[in-house]
Amino acid sequence: MRDEATVQALVVFGGVVLAAWNMSLAVPIGLLYLLPIVIAIELGKSRHRTGWMWGVFLGWLGVLILACMRAQARTA
């Protein structure tokens, strides 16, 4: 039978491992999902298009498509 200090140590250790695991997932999520949105917004500004939609819905594929597009003609 485990004493109370051992159980508390296991709970704290489990919490630290879980926090480290969650933080290790933050970087790939940022690179795979959030970074294309930021890049698409900047590409959209230079091409007079709504770039955030390309980044949100298509991710990196949307960034590539947007990079291949020509700038829209401005209407007065």
N, C-alpha and C. Protein backbone atom coordinates (compact mmCIF):
# COMPACT_ATOMS: atom_id res chain seq x y z
N MET A 1 0.84 -1.18 0.00
CA MET A 1 0.00 0.00 0.00
C MET A 1 0.89 1.25 0.00
N ARG A 2 0.56 2.22 -0.86
CA ARG A 2 1.35 3.44 -0.98
C ARG A 2 0.92 4.46 0.07
N ASP A 3 1.89 5.20 0.55
CA ASP A 3 1.53 6.25 1.50
C ASP A 3 1.13 7.51 0.75
N GLU A 4 0.66 8.48 1.47
CA GLU A 4 0.11 9.70 0.87
C GLU A 4 1.16 10.52 0.13
N ALA A 5 2.39 10.56 0.62
CA ALA A 5 3.46 11.33 -0.02
C ALA A 5 3.79 10.75 -1.40
N THR A 6 3.79 9.44 -1.51
CA THR A 6 4.09 8.79 -2.79
C THR A 6 3.00 9.09 -3.81
N VAL A 7 1.76 9.06 -3.38
CA VAL A 7 0.65 9.36 -4.28
C VAL A 7 0.71 10.80 -4.74
N GLN A 8 1.03 11.73 -3.83
CA GLN A 8 1.16 13.13 -4.21
C GLN A 8 2.31 13.33 -5.18
N ALA A 9 3.41 12.65 -4.97
CA ALA A 9 4.55 12.77 -5.88
C ALA A 9 4.20 12.25 -7.27
N LEU A 10 3.46 11.16 -7.33
CA LEU A 10 3.04 10.62 -8.63
C LEU A 10 2.08 11.55 -9.35
N VAL A 11 1.19 12.19 -8.61
CA VAL A 11 0.25 13.13 -9.21
C VAL A 11 0.99 14.35 -9.75
N VAL A 12 1.94 14.88 -8.99
CA VAL A 12 2.72 16.04 -9.44
C VAL A 12 3.55 15.66 -10.66
N PHE A 13 4.20 14.49 -10.63
CA PHE A 13 4.99 14.04 -11.76
C PHE A 13 4.11 13.87 -13.00
N GLY A 14 2.94 13.30 -12.84
CA GLY A 14 2.01 13.15 -13.96
C GLY A 14 1.58 14.49 -14.52
N GLY A 15 1.36 15.46 -13.65
CA GLY A 15 1.00 16.80 -14.11
C GLY A 15 2.11 17.47 -14.89
N VAL A 16 3.34 17.31 -14.43
CA VAL A 16 4.48 17.89 -15.14
C VAL A 16 4.66 17.23 -16.51
N VAL A 17 4.52 15.93 -16.58
CA VAL A 17 4.64 15.22 -17.86
C VAL A 17 3.54 15.65 -18.81
N LEU A 18 2.32 15.78 -18.31
CA LEU A 18 1.20 16.21 -19.14
C LEU A 18 1.40 17.64 -19.65
N ALA A 19 1.90 18.53 -18.81
CA ALA A 19 2.15 19.91 -19.24
C ALA A 19 3.24 19.96 -20.30
N ALA A 20 4.30 19.17 -20.12
CA ALA A 20 5.38 19.14 -21.11
C ALA A 20 4.87 18.59 -22.44
N TRP A 21 4.02 17.58 -22.38
CA TRP A 21 3.47 16.98 -23.61
C TRP A 21 2.60 18.00 -24.34
N ASN A 22 1.79 18.75 -23.60
CA ASN A 22 0.94 19.77 -24.23
C ASN A 22 1.76 20.88 -24.84
N MET A 23 2.84 21.30 -24.19
CA MET A 23 3.68 22.35 -24.74
C MET A 23 4.44 21.86 -25.97
N SER A 24 4.78 20.57 -26.00
CA SER A 24 5.48 20.04 -27.16
C SER A 24 4.55 19.96 -28.36
N LEU A 25 3.25 19.95 -28.14
CA LEU A 25 2.30 19.95 -29.25
C LEU A 25 2.00 21.37 -29.75
N ALA A 26 2.32 22.38 -28.96
CA ALA A 26 2.03 23.75 -29.36
C ALA A 26 2.85 24.19 -30.56
N VAL A 27 4.10 23.77 -30.64
CA VAL A 27 4.97 24.17 -31.75
C VAL A 27 4.50 23.58 -33.07
N PRO A 28 4.24 22.27 -33.16
CA PRO A 28 3.74 21.74 -34.44
C PRO A 28 2.39 22.31 -34.86
N ILE A 29 1.51 22.54 -33.90
CA ILE A 29 0.21 23.14 -34.24
C ILE A 29 0.42 24.54 -34.80
N GLY A 30 1.31 25.29 -34.19
CA GLY A 30 1.60 26.64 -34.68
C GLY A 30 2.18 26.62 -36.08
N LEU A 31 3.10 25.71 -36.33
CA LEU A 31 3.73 25.65 -37.65
C LEU A 31 2.80 25.09 -38.71
N LEU A 32 1.98 24.13 -38.35
CA LEU A 32 1.14 23.48 -39.35
C LEU A 32 -0.19 24.19 -39.59
N TYR A 33 -0.68 24.95 -38.62
CA TYR A 33 -1.99 25.55 -38.78
C TYR A 33 -1.97 27.08 -38.72
N LEU A 34 -1.27 27.66 -37.78
CA LEU A 34 -1.32 29.12 -37.62
C LEU A 34 -0.38 29.85 -38.57
N LEU A 35 0.78 29.30 -38.84
CA LEU A 35 1.74 29.97 -39.72
C LEU A 35 1.20 30.16 -41.14
N PRO A 36 0.52 29.17 -41.75
CA PRO A 36 -0.03 29.42 -43.09
C PRO A 36 -1.07 30.54 -43.12
N ILE A 37 -1.80 30.71 -42.03
CA ILE A 37 -2.80 31.78 -41.98
C ILE A 37 -2.10 33.14 -42.03
N VAL A 38 -1.03 33.29 -41.23
CA VAL A 38 -0.30 34.56 -41.20
C VAL A 38 0.34 34.84 -42.57
N ILE A 39 0.94 33.83 -43.17
CA ILE A 39 1.57 34.01 -44.48
C ILE A 39 0.53 34.33 -45.54
N ALA A 40 -0.62 33.65 -45.50
CA ALA A 40 -1.68 33.91 -46.48
C ALA A 40 -2.24 35.32 -46.33
N ILE A 41 -2.33 35.82 -45.13
CA ILE A 41 -2.81 37.19 -44.93
C ILE A 41 -1.87 38.18 -45.61
N GLU A 42 -0.57 37.99 -45.41
CA GLU A 42 0.40 38.90 -46.03
C GLU A 42 0.40 38.77 -47.55
N LEU A 43 0.30 37.55 -48.07
CA LEU A 43 0.21 37.38 -49.52
C LEU A 43 -1.07 37.98 -50.07
N GLY A 44 -2.16 37.85 -49.33
CA GLY A 44 -3.43 38.40 -49.76
C GLY A 44 -3.41 39.91 -49.86
N LYS A 45 -2.70 40.56 -48.94
CA LYS A 45 -2.60 42.02 -48.99
C LYS A 45 -1.90 42.47 -50.26
N SER A 46 -0.84 41.78 -50.63
CA SER A 46 -0.09 42.19 -51.82
C SER A 46 -0.84 41.87 -53.11
N ARG A 47 -1.80 40.96 -53.05
CA ARG A 47 -2.55 40.57 -54.24
C ARG A 47 -4.00 41.07 -54.23
N HIS A 48 -4.34 41.88 -53.23
CA HIS A 48 -5.68 42.46 -53.08
C HIS A 48 -6.75 41.36 -53.01
N ARG A 49 -6.50 40.35 -52.19
CA ARG A 49 -7.43 39.24 -51.99
C ARG A 49 -7.59 38.99 -50.49
N THR A 50 -8.60 38.19 -50.14
CA THR A 50 -8.81 37.82 -48.75
C THR A 50 -7.94 36.61 -48.44
N GLY A 51 -6.72 36.85 -48.04
CA GLY A 51 -5.76 35.78 -47.84
C GLY A 51 -6.05 34.89 -46.65
N TRP A 52 -6.67 35.44 -45.61
CA TRP A 52 -6.90 34.62 -44.42
C TRP A 52 -7.79 33.44 -44.71
N MET A 53 -8.71 33.59 -45.65
CA MET A 53 -9.60 32.46 -45.99
C MET A 53 -8.82 31.32 -46.64
N TRP A 54 -7.85 31.66 -47.48
CA TRP A 54 -7.02 30.64 -48.12
C TRP A 54 -6.21 29.91 -47.06
N GLY A 55 -5.68 30.63 -46.10
CA GLY A 55 -4.87 30.01 -45.06
C GLY A 55 -5.68 29.16 -44.10
N VAL A 56 -6.87 29.62 -43.73
CA VAL A 56 -7.70 28.88 -42.77
C VAL A 56 -8.24 27.60 -43.39
N PHE A 57 -8.80 27.71 -44.57
CA PHE A 57 -9.50 26.56 -45.14
C PHE A 57 -8.60 25.58 -45.89
N LEU A 58 -7.48 26.05 -46.45
CA LEU A 58 -6.63 25.15 -47.21
C LEU A 58 -5.22 25.00 -46.63
N GLY A 59 -4.86 25.81 -45.66
CA GLY A 59 -3.56 25.67 -45.02
C GLY A 59 -2.42 25.98 -45.98
N TRP A 60 -1.41 25.12 -45.99
CA TRP A 60 -0.24 25.35 -46.83
C TRP A 60 -0.59 25.28 -48.31
N LEU A 61 -1.56 24.46 -48.68
CA LEU A 61 -2.01 24.42 -50.08
C LEU A 61 -2.59 25.77 -50.48
N GLY A 62 -3.34 26.40 -49.61
CA GLY A 62 -3.88 27.73 -49.88
C GLY A 62 -2.79 28.77 -50.04
N VAL A 63 -1.72 28.66 -49.27
CA VAL A 63 -0.59 29.58 -49.41
C VAL A 63 0.05 29.41 -50.79
N LEU A 64 0.24 28.16 -51.21
CA LEU A 64 0.83 27.91 -52.53
C LEU A 64 -0.06 28.43 -53.66
N ILE A 65 -1.36 28.20 -53.55
CA ILE A 65 -2.29 28.69 -54.57
C ILE A 65 -2.27 30.21 -54.61
N LEU A 66 -2.31 30.83 -53.44
CA LEU A 66 -2.30 32.29 -53.37
C LEU A 66 -0.99 32.87 -53.90
N ALA A 67 0.11 32.17 -53.68
CA ALA A 67 1.40 32.64 -54.18
C ALA A 67 1.45 32.61 -55.71
N CYS A 68 0.69 31.70 -56.33
CA CYS A 68 0.69 31.59 -57.79
C CYS A 68 -0.28 32.57 -58.45
N MET A 69 -1.18 33.16 -57.69
CA MET A 69 -2.18 34.07 -58.26
C MET A 69 -1.58 35.42 -58.58
N ARG A 70 -2.16 36.04 -59.57
CA ARG A 70 -1.78 37.41 -59.91
C ARG A 70 -2.59 38.38 -59.06
N ALA A 71 -2.10 39.59 -58.97
CA ALA A 71 -2.82 40.61 -58.22
C ALA A 71 -4.09 40.98 -58.96
N GLN A 72 -5.17 41.18 -58.20
CA GLN A 72 -6.42 41.60 -58.80
C GLN A 72 -6.34 43.07 -59.18
N ALA A 73 -7.04 43.41 -60.26
CA ALA A 73 -7.11 44.82 -60.65
C ALA A 73 -7.99 45.55 -59.65
N ARG A 74 -7.55 46.71 -59.24
CA ARG A 74 -8.33 47.50 -58.31
C ARG A 74 -9.47 48.21 -59.04
N THR A 75 -10.64 48.18 -58.43
CA THR A 75 -11.79 48.91 -59.01
C THR A 75 -11.92 50.24 -58.30
N ALA A 76 -12.24 51.24 -59.04
CA ALA A 76 -12.34 52.59 -58.47
C ALA A 76 -13.66 52.85 -57.85
